Structure formats: C-alpha cells, structure tokens
Protein backbone atom coordinates (compact mmCIF):
# COMPACT_ATOMS: atom_id res chain seq x y z
CA MET A 1 -24.07 21.84 9.44
CA LYS A 2 -24.10 25.36 10.84
CA VAL A 3 -21.07 26.85 12.57
CA ALA A 4 -20.91 30.15 14.46
CA VAL A 5 -18.71 32.83 12.91
CA LEU A 6 -16.23 34.40 15.34
CA ASP A 7 -14.54 37.79 15.20
CA ILE A 8 -10.81 38.33 15.80
CA LYS A 9 -11.52 38.82 19.52
CA GLY A 10 -12.88 35.27 19.72
CA LYS A 11 -16.49 36.35 20.27
CA GLU A 12 -19.49 35.21 18.24
CA THR A 13 -20.66 37.70 15.64
CA GLY A 14 -24.26 36.45 15.78
CA ARG A 15 -23.93 35.02 12.29
CA LYS A 16 -23.60 31.38 11.28
CA VAL A 17 -22.14 29.83 8.16
CA GLU A 18 -23.50 26.68 6.55
CA LEU A 19 -20.76 24.11 6.02
CA SER A 20 -21.44 21.46 3.40
CA ASN A 21 -21.93 17.98 4.82
CA ASP A 22 -20.36 16.60 1.63
CA VAL A 23 -17.06 18.26 2.61
CA PHE A 24 -17.11 18.69 6.39
CA GLY A 25 -19.47 15.90 7.47
CA ILE A 26 -18.48 12.68 5.68
CA GLU A 27 -17.22 9.47 7.27
CA PRO A 28 -13.40 9.89 7.14
CA ASN A 29 -11.64 7.47 4.81
CA GLU A 30 -8.41 6.59 6.63
CA HIS A 31 -6.83 4.81 3.68
CA ALA A 32 -7.31 7.81 1.38
CA ILE A 33 -5.75 10.02 4.07
CA TYR A 34 -2.81 7.61 4.36
CA LEU A 35 -2.18 7.62 0.60
CA ASP A 36 -2.35 11.40 0.28
CA VAL A 37 -0.08 12.06 3.28
CA LYS A 38 2.35 9.43 2.00
CA GLN A 39 2.49 11.16 -1.40
CA TYR A 40 2.97 14.61 0.19
CA LEU A 41 5.88 13.42 2.35
CA ALA A 42 7.45 11.55 -0.58
CA HIS A 43 7.38 14.76 -2.64
CA GLN A 44 9.35 16.55 0.08
CA ARG A 45 12.34 14.29 -0.58
CA GLN A 46 14.88 15.81 -2.96
CA GLY A 47 16.35 12.50 -4.04
CA THR A 48 19.76 14.09 -4.76
CA HIS A 49 21.75 11.65 -2.59
CA LYS A 50 24.80 10.28 -4.42
CA ALA A 51 27.99 8.41 -3.56
CA LYS A 52 30.87 7.80 -5.98
CA GLU A 53 31.29 4.28 -7.18
CA ARG A 54 34.49 2.63 -8.35
CA ALA A 55 34.34 4.00 -11.90
CA GLU A 56 33.86 7.58 -10.69
CA ILE A 57 36.82 7.77 -8.28
CA ALA A 58 39.85 9.77 -9.43
CA GLY A 59 43.02 7.70 -9.19
CA SER A 60 45.59 5.66 -11.01
CA THR A 61 44.56 2.52 -12.86
CA ARG A 62 47.92 0.82 -12.56
CA LYS A 63 48.14 -2.49 -10.76
CA ILE A 64 49.26 -1.59 -7.23
CA LYS A 65 51.29 -4.75 -6.53
CA LYS A 66 52.33 -7.91 -8.26
CA GLN A 67 49.82 -10.70 -8.66
CA LYS A 68 51.70 -13.41 -6.79
CA GLY A 69 54.26 -13.82 -4.06
CA THR A 70 53.11 -11.06 -1.66
CA GLY A 71 51.35 -13.42 0.75
CA THR A 72 48.23 -11.29 0.60
CA ALA A 73 45.18 -11.18 -1.62
CA ARG A 74 45.65 -10.02 -5.17
CA ALA A 75 44.67 -6.39 -5.87
CA GLY A 76 44.35 -4.60 -9.16
CA SER A 77 43.31 -0.99 -8.47
CA ILE A 78 43.66 1.63 -5.76
CA LYS A 79 40.03 2.56 -6.53
CA SER A 80 38.75 -0.76 -5.28
CA PRO A 81 35.98 -0.45 -2.65
CA ILE A 82 38.01 -2.50 -0.16
CA PHE A 83 40.65 0.26 0.11
CA ARG A 84 40.39 3.54 1.99
CA GLY A 85 39.42 6.24 -0.52
CA GLY A 86 38.02 3.71 -2.96
CA GLY A 87 34.55 3.71 -4.48
CA ARG A 88 31.47 2.74 -2.53
CA ILE A 89 29.71 -0.55 -3.25
CA PHE A 90 26.03 -0.12 -4.15
CA GLY A 91 26.04 3.49 -2.92
CA PRO A 92 22.96 5.75 -3.07
CA ARG A 93 22.03 7.14 -6.49
CA PRO A 94 19.73 10.05 -7.43
CA LYS A 95 16.12 8.93 -7.32
CA ASP A 96 12.71 10.43 -8.01
CA TYR A 97 10.46 9.68 -5.03
CA SER A 98 7.32 11.27 -6.49
CA GLN A 99 4.16 9.18 -6.49
CA LYS A 100 1.00 9.37 -8.56
CA LEU A 101 -2.39 9.59 -6.93
CA ASN A 102 -5.85 9.77 -8.44
CA LYS A 103 -7.49 13.21 -8.13
CA ASN A 104 -10.64 11.72 -6.65
CA VAL A 105 -8.61 10.00 -3.93
CA LYS A 106 -6.84 13.28 -3.08
CA ARG A 107 -10.20 15.06 -2.94
CA LEU A 108 -11.64 12.35 -0.70
CA ALA A 109 -8.58 12.57 1.57
CA ARG A 110 -8.96 16.34 2.06
CA LYS A 111 -12.69 16.00 2.73
CA SER A 112 -11.92 13.24 5.23
CA ALA A 113 -9.33 15.46 6.94
CA PHE A 114 -11.80 18.36 7.25
CA SER A 115 -14.52 16.02 8.53
CA LEU A 116 -12.10 14.64 11.10
CA LYS A 117 -11.24 18.14 12.33
CA SER A 118 -14.92 19.04 12.47
CA LYS A 119 -15.69 15.91 14.51
CA GLN A 120 -12.86 16.66 16.93
CA LYS A 121 -14.07 20.27 17.40
CA GLU A 122 -10.77 21.58 16.02
CA LEU A 123 -12.34 23.68 13.25
CA LEU A 124 -13.12 27.40 13.63
CA VAL A 125 -14.69 29.90 11.23
CA VAL A 126 -13.57 33.51 11.65
CA GLU A 127 -14.72 36.60 9.80
CA ASP A 128 -12.21 38.06 7.34
CA PHE A 129 -9.64 40.38 8.90
CA ASN A 130 -6.62 42.40 7.85
CA PHE A 131 -3.77 44.38 9.41
CA ASP A 132 -2.75 47.93 8.47
CA THR A 133 0.89 46.87 8.56
CA PRO A 134 2.43 43.41 8.98
CA LYS A 135 3.08 42.85 12.70
CA THR A 136 3.74 39.53 14.40
CA LYS A 137 2.36 40.98 17.64
CA ASP A 138 -1.04 41.66 16.05
CA PHE A 139 -1.17 38.17 14.62
CA VAL A 140 -0.30 36.59 17.99
CA ASN A 141 -3.02 38.69 19.65
CA VAL A 142 -5.58 37.21 17.24
CA LEU A 143 -4.43 33.69 18.10
CA LYS A 144 -4.64 34.49 21.83
CA SER A 145 -8.19 35.79 21.43
CA LEU A 146 -9.14 32.56 19.66
CA GLY A 147 -7.41 30.52 22.39
CA ILE A 148 -5.01 28.75 20.05
CA GLU A 149 -1.72 30.58 20.65
CA ASN A 150 -0.21 27.47 22.25
CA LYS A 151 -1.49 25.07 19.59
CA LYS A 152 -0.13 24.32 16.16
CA SER A 153 -2.61 26.09 13.90
CA LEU A 154 -3.45 26.48 10.23
CA ILE A 155 -5.07 29.73 9.03
CA VAL A 156 -6.83 29.37 5.67
CA LEU A 157 -7.34 32.54 3.61
CA GLY A 158 -9.82 33.02 0.79
CA ASP A 159 -7.48 35.18 -1.30
CA SER A 160 -3.92 36.44 -0.95
CA ASN A 161 -3.55 38.63 2.12
CA ASN A 162 0.02 39.86 2.28
CA SER A 163 -0.23 41.62 5.65
CA VAL A 164 -1.63 38.55 7.45
CA TYR A 165 0.85 36.23 5.74
CA LEU A 166 3.87 38.42 6.56
CA SER A 167 2.67 38.84 10.15
CA SER A 168 2.64 35.07 10.62
CA ARG A 169 6.10 34.26 9.24
CA ASN A 170 7.99 34.83 12.50
CA PHE A 171 5.52 32.76 14.50
CA LYS A 172 6.56 29.11 14.22
CA GLY A 173 3.42 27.63 15.72
CA SER A 174 1.13 28.76 12.93
CA GLU A 175 0.96 28.60 9.14
CA VAL A 176 -1.08 30.80 6.81
CA VAL A 177 -2.16 29.40 3.42
CA LYS A 178 -4.70 30.15 0.69
CA ASN A 179 -7.50 27.66 0.16
CA SER A 180 -5.86 26.62 -3.12
CA GLU A 181 -2.66 25.64 -1.24
CA LEU A 182 -4.33 23.23 1.18
CA SER A 183 -3.12 19.66 1.57
CA THR A 184 -4.32 16.76 3.68
CA TYR A 185 -0.99 16.74 5.54
CA LYS A 186 -1.25 20.43 6.51
CA ILE A 187 -4.82 20.02 7.72
CA LEU A 188 -3.99 17.01 9.89
CA ASN A 189 -0.68 18.43 11.10
CA ALA A 190 -2.46 21.39 12.70
CA LYS A 191 -4.16 21.07 16.07
CA SER A 192 -6.58 23.87 15.13
CA VAL A 193 -7.79 24.79 11.65
CA VAL A 194 -9.10 28.36 11.27
CA LEU A 195 -11.12 29.09 8.14
CA LEU A 196 -11.75 32.67 7.15
CA GLU A 197 -15.29 33.21 5.89
CA SER A 198 -14.09 33.94 2.37
CA ALA A 199 -12.21 30.63 2.28
CA VAL A 200 -15.23 28.41 2.97
CA GLU A 201 -16.85 28.89 -0.44
CA GLY A 202 -13.57 28.24 -2.28
CA ILE A 203 -12.89 25.05 -0.30
CA GLU A 204 -16.36 23.68 -0.93
CA SER A 205 -16.12 24.61 -4.61
CA ASN A 206 -12.77 22.82 -5.00
CA LEU A 207 -13.79 19.68 -3.13
CA SER A 208 -17.36 19.28 -4.38
CA LYS A 209 -16.39 18.77 -8.04
C-alpha cells in the first residue's frame, strides 16, 4: 500500500512510501495482540511485595499466659497472627510475574497492531526532521501541524535522535521511541502513530523475518 509522506508542517511532500502489506495490511490477530499486551503489562510488575509472617516478626518467644484457668483461649506467642503486631497469615511474597512468549507470536502481534492502526487511519508517515536545540515548543508545533497535539501519540524514529527525544520529554501526551523499542502495547496505546521515513525500512526488516 502507498502512503503519502508529510512534512513537519503537515503538508504532503509529493512523495509516497510503499508500506509492506505483510506488515501493515494483514488481518489483525486479536489473540496474538492479547498475549503480547498481557506479557508487556506483566513485565511492568516489580513483584517485590512482601509481608512478614510469624517466623519473621521480632518479639519474645515466651508463653504469654498460662495454659489453663484464664477463661480465654490458650495462647503461646505474642507473634501469633491473631494479636496486634503479630505476623500476617498467608501474606504476599516476592514473585516473578514475567511470562514467556514465542517470537513469532510477538511478531504477529506487532504486525496486527500496525495493520489495525492502518485500517483505522491512525498511521502517518512523516519525513525525517531534527531540531537545532531541544525545545518542547518546537516539538508541540510539529504535533499541531500534524493535527495530533490533543491525541496520545507515538513518534517512531529510525535512529537515535537526541534533540527530538529531549524535546518530547516534557510533553506527556506523546512518546518518542526508536523502531527497535516498539511494542504492541505502545502501538495500541497511542491514538496516532507517526512513523518517520527512516523508521519504515527498519520496522519492515524486523517484522518480515
């Protein structure tokens, strides 16, 4: 499929770029998308939650009252979970939430995400640009020209571009990534996906293997 290339003022340059149908024109596989997004979100969890159980509480081990004759239930330790300050029963323990996913499924999920964005007309191709110095104002002006300043957007670079990346950091509605840092979640989480011309070849190369 052919897509018009825009400049940073949002106008067509007169050139078109050929997007591979194998990457941007497939029938989206919803289950592959689900699995990849699920894995991404699971990997965001630190899994460091921990509560002290009975054996880990600092306190005396002496028997706190005699066994019989008190008229109340017997009790052996101040660290018992039934007392204030005691250990927690079946409390959370550190856990690894990471999940494994086949590379081909991840690749299919990203292709499905791109195809979905292409179908929904939420995919733009813009010629490569740069800023002399990092300025949030310049970055916002580019988004305004493209008509996406009020939308959550994802800008995909071909190579590292420090000035564009630094210019975007103070703007919460947009994220700038290299094509090697793409994930299905980031693609779907953005309302508009902007591909720089230099990023297209890298994306197709990575996903057509």
